[in-house]
Amino acid sequence: MAADLNDLQAFMAVARAGGFREGARATAGSASALSEAIRRLETQLGVRLFN
């Protein structure tokens, strides 16, 4: 299954900002929405992306 573009963008926002809260501010979204997107990516890829 291919990763969703929105989930990849969420990953990039968190990585660039250095955290979920900061990523949420940068995207004008919520930390919980970013967390859910990262969880989906981790499930699809079978790896943990952040500590």
PDB file of N, CA and C in Angstrom:
ATOM      1  N   MET A   1       0.844  -1.173   0.000  1.00  0.00           N
ATOM      2  CA  MET A   1       0.000   0.000   0.000  1.00  0.00           C
ATOM      3  C   MET A   1       0.895   1.244   0.000  1.00  0.00           C
ATOM      4  N   ALA A   2       0.582   2.202  -0.851  1.00  0.00           N
ATOM      5  CA  ALA A   2       1.357   3.435  -0.944  1.00  0.00           C
ATOM      6  C   ALA A   2       0.980   4.389   0.184  1.00  0.00           C
ATOM      7  N   ALA A   3       1.963   5.129   0.637  1.00  0.00           N
ATOM      8  CA  ALA A   3       1.712   6.124   1.681  1.00  0.00           C
ATOM      9  C   ALA A   3       0.917   7.284   1.100  1.00  0.00           C
ATOM     10  N   ASP A   4       0.028   7.831   1.887  1.00  0.00           N
ATOM     11  CA  ASP A   4      -0.793   8.970   1.494  1.00  0.00           C
ATOM     12  C   ASP A   4       0.064  10.238   1.513  1.00  0.00           C
ATOM     13  N   LEU A   5      -0.110  11.097   0.510  1.00  0.00           N
ATOM     14  CA  LEU A   5       0.669  12.327   0.421  1.00  0.00           C
ATOM     15  C   LEU A   5       0.479  13.207   1.654  1.00  0.00           C
ATOM     16  N   ASN A   6      -0.728  13.301   2.162  1.00  0.00           N
ATOM     17  CA  ASN A   6      -0.982  14.115   3.357  1.00  0.00           C
ATOM     18  C   ASN A   6      -0.234  13.577   4.572  1.00  0.00           C
ATOM     19  N   ASP A   7      -0.150  12.254   4.672  1.00  0.00           N
ATOM     20  CA  ASP A   7       0.587  11.652   5.783  1.00  0.00           C
ATOM     21  C   ASP A   7       2.081  11.950   5.656  1.00  0.00           C
ATOM     22  N   LEU A   8       2.591  11.904   4.431  1.00  0.00           N
ATOM     23  CA  LEU A   8       4.000  12.236   4.213  1.00  0.00           C
ATOM     24  C   LEU A   8       4.279  13.704   4.530  1.00  0.00           C
ATOM     25  N   GLN A   9       3.347  14.571   4.177  1.00  0.00           N
ATOM     26  CA  GLN A   9       3.502  15.990   4.496  1.00  0.00           C
ATOM     27  C   GLN A   9       3.470  16.208   6.006  1.00  0.00           C
ATOM     28  N   ALA A  10       2.645  15.456   6.697  1.00  0.00           N
ATOM     29  CA  ALA A  10       2.604  15.538   8.159  1.00  0.00           C
ATOM     30  C   ALA A  10       3.944  15.103   8.744  1.00  0.00           C
ATOM     31  N   PHE A  11       4.503  14.029   8.212  1.00  0.00           N
ATOM     32  CA  PHE A  11       5.814  13.559   8.658  1.00  0.00           C
ATOM     33  C   PHE A  11       6.866  14.649   8.469  1.00  0.00           C
ATOM     34  N   MET A  12       6.877  15.265   7.303  1.00  0.00           N
ATOM     35  CA  MET A  12       7.851  16.318   7.015  1.00  0.00           C
ATOM     36  C   MET A  12       7.674  17.513   7.957  1.00  0.00           C
ATOM     37  N   ALA A  13       6.436  17.868   8.252  1.00  0.00           N
ATOM     38  CA  ALA A  13       6.176  19.003   9.151  1.00  0.00           C
ATOM     39  C   ALA A  13       6.729  18.728  10.543  1.00  0.00           C
ATOM     40  N   VAL A  14       6.499  17.530  11.047  1.00  0.00           N
ATOM     41  CA  VAL A  14       6.987  17.170  12.381  1.00  0.00           C
ATOM     42  C   VAL A  14       8.514  17.115  12.384  1.00  0.00           C
ATOM     43  N   ALA A  15       9.093  16.510  11.355  1.00  0.00           N
ATOM     44  CA  ALA A  15      10.551  16.394  11.282  1.00  0.00           C
ATOM     45  C   ALA A  15      11.211  17.767  11.185  1.00  0.00           C
ATOM     46  N   ARG A  16      10.683  18.622  10.340  1.00  0.00           N
ATOM     47  CA  ARG A  16      11.274  19.956  10.161  1.00  0.00           C
ATOM     48  C   ARG A  16      11.121  20.822  11.408  1.00  0.00           C
ATOM     49  N   ALA A  17       9.971  20.721  12.046  1.00  0.00           N
ATOM     50  CA  ALA A  17       9.692  21.574  13.203  1.00  0.00           C
ATOM     51  C   ALA A  17      10.333  21.040  14.482  1.00  0.00           C
ATOM     52  N   GLY A  18      10.641  19.753  14.510  1.00  0.00           N
ATOM     53  CA  GLY A  18      11.279  19.177  15.685  1.00  0.00           C
ATOM     54  C   GLY A  18      10.334  18.643  16.739  1.00  0.00           C
ATOM     55  N   GLY A  19       9.058  18.537  16.410  1.00  0.00           N
ATOM     56  CA  GLY A  19       8.100  17.985  17.360  1.00  0.00           C
ATOM     57  C   GLY A  19       6.678  18.131  16.865  1.00  0.00           C
ATOM     58  N   PHE A  20       5.769  17.415  17.510  1.00  0.00           N
ATOM     59  CA  PHE A  20       4.365  17.420  17.084  1.00  0.00           C
ATOM     60  C   PHE A  20       3.697  18.768  17.332  1.00  0.00           C
ATOM     61  N   ARG A  21       3.931  19.341  18.492  1.00  0.00           N
ATOM     62  CA  ARG A  21       3.304  20.631  18.809  1.00  0.00           C
ATOM     63  C   ARG A  21       3.787  21.717  17.847  1.00  0.00           C
ATOM     64  N   GLU A  22       5.099  21.740  17.611  1.00  0.00           N
ATOM     65  CA  GLU A  22       5.663  22.732  16.703  1.00  0.00           C
ATOM     66  C   GLU A  22       5.212  22.486  15.266  1.00  0.00           C
ATOM     67  N   GLY A  23       5.123  21.220  14.881  1.00  0.00           N
ATOM     68  CA  GLY A  23       4.631  20.871  13.544  1.00  0.00           C
ATOM     69  C   GLY A  23       3.190  21.287  13.348  1.00  0.00           C
ATOM     70  N   ALA A  24       2.395  21.145  14.401  1.00  0.00           N
ATOM     71  CA  ALA A  24       0.991  21.559  14.327  1.00  0.00           C
ATOM     72  C   ALA A  24       0.889  23.063  14.135  1.00  0.00           C
ATOM     73  N   ARG A  25       1.725  23.806  14.835  1.00  0.00           N
ATOM     74  CA  ARG A  25       1.721  25.267  14.656  1.00  0.00           C
ATOM     75  C   ARG A  25       2.104  25.630  13.228  1.00  0.00           C
ATOM     76  N   ALA A  26       3.103  24.953  12.689  1.00  0.00           N
ATOM     77  CA  ALA A  26       3.589  25.258  11.342  1.00  0.00           C
ATOM     78  C   ALA A  26       2.556  24.944  10.267  1.00  0.00           C
ATOM     79  N   THR A  27       1.699  23.966  10.525  1.00  0.00           N
ATOM     80  CA  THR A  27       0.708  23.564   9.524  1.00  0.00           C
ATOM     81  C   THR A  27      -0.682  24.086   9.831  1.00  0.00           C
ATOM     82  N   ALA A  28      -0.822  24.820  10.924  1.00  0.00           N
ATOM     83  CA  ALA A  28      -2.135  25.317  11.368  1.00  0.00           C
ATOM     84  C   ALA A  28      -3.111  24.165  11.588  1.00  0.00           C
ATOM     85  N   GLY A  29      -2.566  23.030  12.028  1.00  0.00           N
ATOM     86  CA  GLY A  29      -3.392  21.867  12.333  1.00  0.00           C
ATOM     87  C   GLY A  29      -3.287  21.543  13.812  1.00  0.00           C
ATOM     88  N   SER A  30      -3.636  20.318  14.155  1.00  0.00           N
ATOM     89  CA  SER A  30      -3.548  19.897  15.551  1.00  0.00           C
ATOM     90  C   SER A  30      -2.473  18.826  15.703  1.00  0.00           C
ATOM     91  N   ALA A  31      -1.891  18.786  16.883  1.00  0.00           N
ATOM     92  CA  ALA A  31      -0.882  17.775  17.168  1.00  0.00           C
ATOM     93  C   ALA A  31      -1.479  16.375  17.076  1.00  0.00           C
ATOM     94  N   SER A  32      -2.734  16.219  17.480  1.00  0.00           N
ATOM     95  CA  SER A  32      -3.360  14.893  17.424  1.00  0.00           C
ATOM     96  C   SER A  32      -3.562  14.435  15.981  1.00  0.00           C
ATOM     97  N   ALA A  33      -3.876  15.357  15.074  1.00  0.00           N
ATOM     98  CA  ALA A  33      -4.027  14.992  13.661  1.00  0.00           C
ATOM     99  C   ALA A  33      -2.682  14.567  13.076  1.00  0.00           C
ATOM    100  N   LEU A  34      -1.620  15.272  13.438  1.00  0.00           N
ATOM    101  CA  LEU A  34      -0.289  14.885  12.967  1.00  0.00           C
ATOM    102  C   LEU A  34       0.107  13.532  13.541  1.00  0.00           C
ATOM    103  N   SER A  35      -0.201  13.312  14.802  1.00  0.00           N
ATOM    104  CA  SER A  35       0.113  12.042  15.443  1.00  0.00           C
ATOM    105  C   SER A  35      -0.589  10.880  14.748  1.00  0.00           C
ATOM    106  N   GLU A  36      -1.839  11.078  14.394  1.00  0.00           N
ATOM    107  CA  GLU A  36      -2.605  10.039  13.692  1.00  0.00           C
ATOM    108  C   GLU A  36      -2.001   9.762  12.317  1.00  0.00           C
ATOM    109  N   ALA A  37      -1.590  10.802  11.616  1.00  0.00           N
ATOM    110  CA  ALA A  37      -0.968  10.626  10.300  1.00  0.00           C
ATOM    111  C   ALA A  37       0.340   9.847  10.427  1.00  0.00           C
ATOM    112  N   ILE A  38       1.129  10.166  11.444  1.00  0.00           N
ATOM    113  CA  ILE A  38       2.387   9.454  11.667  1.00  0.00           C
ATOM    114  C   ILE A  38       2.110   7.997  12.023  1.00  0.00           C
ATOM    115  N   ARG A  39       1.089   7.755  12.824  1.00  0.00           N
ATOM    116  CA  ARG A  39       0.728   6.376  13.180  1.00  0.00           C
ATOM    117  C   ARG A  39       0.377   5.574  11.936  1.00  0.00           C
ATOM    118  N   ARG A  40      -0.383   6.183  11.017  1.00  0.00           N
ATOM    119  CA  ARG A  40      -0.734   5.484   9.771  1.00  0.00           C
ATOM    120  C   ARG A  40       0.519   5.149   8.965  1.00  0.00           C
ATOM    121  N   LEU A  41       1.428   6.103   8.859  1.00  0.00           N
ATOM    122  CA  LEU A  41       2.677   5.855   8.132  1.00  0.00           C
ATOM    123  C   LEU A  41       3.480   4.735   8.782  1.00  0.00           C
ATOM    124  N   GLU A  42       3.593   4.772  10.094  1.00  0.00           N
ATOM    125  CA  GLU A  42       4.341   3.736  10.806  1.00  0.00           C
ATOM    126  C   GLU A  42       3.738   2.360  10.565  1.00  0.00           C
ATOM    127  N   THR A  43       2.421   2.284  10.545  1.00  0.00           N
ATOM    128  CA  THR A  43       1.739   1.015  10.290  1.00  0.00           C
ATOM    129  C   THR A  43       2.015   0.535   8.870  1.00  0.00           C
ATOM    130  N   GLN A  44       1.923   1.442   7.914  1.00  0.00           N
ATOM    131  CA  GLN A  44       2.149   1.077   6.514  1.00  0.00           C
ATOM    132  C   GLN A  44       3.590   0.654   6.260  1.00  0.00           C
ATOM    133  N   LEU A  45       4.534   1.357   6.883  1.00  0.00           N
ATOM    134  CA  LEU A  45       5.948   1.090   6.645  1.00  0.00           C
ATOM    135  C   LEU A  45       6.516   0.002   7.546  1.00  0.00           C
ATOM    136  N   GLY A  46       5.839  -0.257   8.656  1.00  0.00           N
ATOM    137  CA  GLY A  46       6.307  -1.279   9.587  1.00  0.00           C
ATOM    138  C   GLY A  46       7.514  -0.851  10.406  1.00  0.00           C
ATOM    139  N   VAL A  47       7.690   0.458  10.574  1.00  0.00           N
ATOM    140  CA  VAL A  47       8.800   0.982  11.368  1.00  0.00           C
ATOM    141  C   VAL A  47       8.308   2.133  12.240  1.00  0.00           C
ATOM    142  N   ARG A  48       9.043   2.385  13.306  1.00  0.00           N
ATOM    143  CA  ARG A  48       8.746   3.540  14.149  1.00  0.00           C
ATOM    144  C   ARG A  48       9.528   4.731  13.598  1.00  0.00           C
ATOM    145  N   LEU A  49       8.846   5.843  13.361  1.00  0.00           N
ATOM    146  CA  LEU A  49       9.478   6.996  12.727  1.00  0.00           C
ATOM    147  C   LEU A  49      10.074   7.980  13.722  1.00  0.00           C
ATOM    148  N   PHE A  50       9.476   8.107  14.892  1.00  0.00           N
ATOM    149  CA  PHE A  50       9.972   9.026  15.919  1.00  0.00           C
ATOM    150  C   PHE A  50      10.006   8.303  17.257  1.00  0.00           C
ATOM    151  N   ASN A  51      10.891   8.763  18.145  1.00  0.00           N
ATOM    152  CA  ASN A  51      10.969   8.197  19.499  1.00  0.00           C
ATOM    153  C   ASN A  51       9.896   8.756  20.371  1.00  0.00           C
TER     154      ASN A  51
END
